[in-house]
Amino acid sequence: MQAFDSQLWKQRAWDRFGAALRAGKSKKRAESDWVLEVIAIVGIEALVGWCSSKKLNVRFSRHVGATYYPVAKTIVVSKRMTPRRQLMFLIHECGHHLIGMKEHSERYGMGYPQTSAKMKRTFHHRVSCLEEEMEAWHRGWKLAVRLNIDVDRGEFDRVRLECLRSYIKWSLDPVARGD
């Protein structure tokens, strides 16, 4: 796993810009994509700084998606995603950290309720997990606004809804619930 290096991320964005031009992409479109990537990288840098101030580690690895590990106080984000997508997922995982902080929420405590394996197959548990996912997106968005991170709300909502759709399907799956 690697830590965040904004200069490395910006160099990669610049390399992708050059590759896009060589591949025949219009200069206007390639420039637009590059600018949006750099804006996302600046946002990631701001969030990583916020995480650092909370003694929360942010790492990038080859795994898919992003995950918050509350006990280890670590967020792991896939380095396979574009910086724009990394930013969206990092915002969400920071939201998990915020709702997991006992001083901010009695409702979620330190993450999903600690329950037996049998409880984890119930519809009640799955709905609780879905509620927590929704709240993490909401809290993450509020954090991004508070930190003045430039995030396109439409793009954020598309990623949020894509992720929530998968959780809704999971919560309704009778096989996964053990019905």
Foldseek 3Di string as FASTA:
>chain_A
DAADDLVVLLVVLVVVLVVCVVVPHDNVVSVVSSVLLNLLSVLVVLLCVVLVVVVAGEEEDQDPAWDQDQVVSYIYGHPPDRSLSSSLRSLLNVLLVQQCPCVRHPLQPNHQDDDDPLVCLALVSLVSNLVSSVSSSVSSVVVCVVSVRDHDPVVSVVSSVVVSVVSVCCSPDNVSSVD
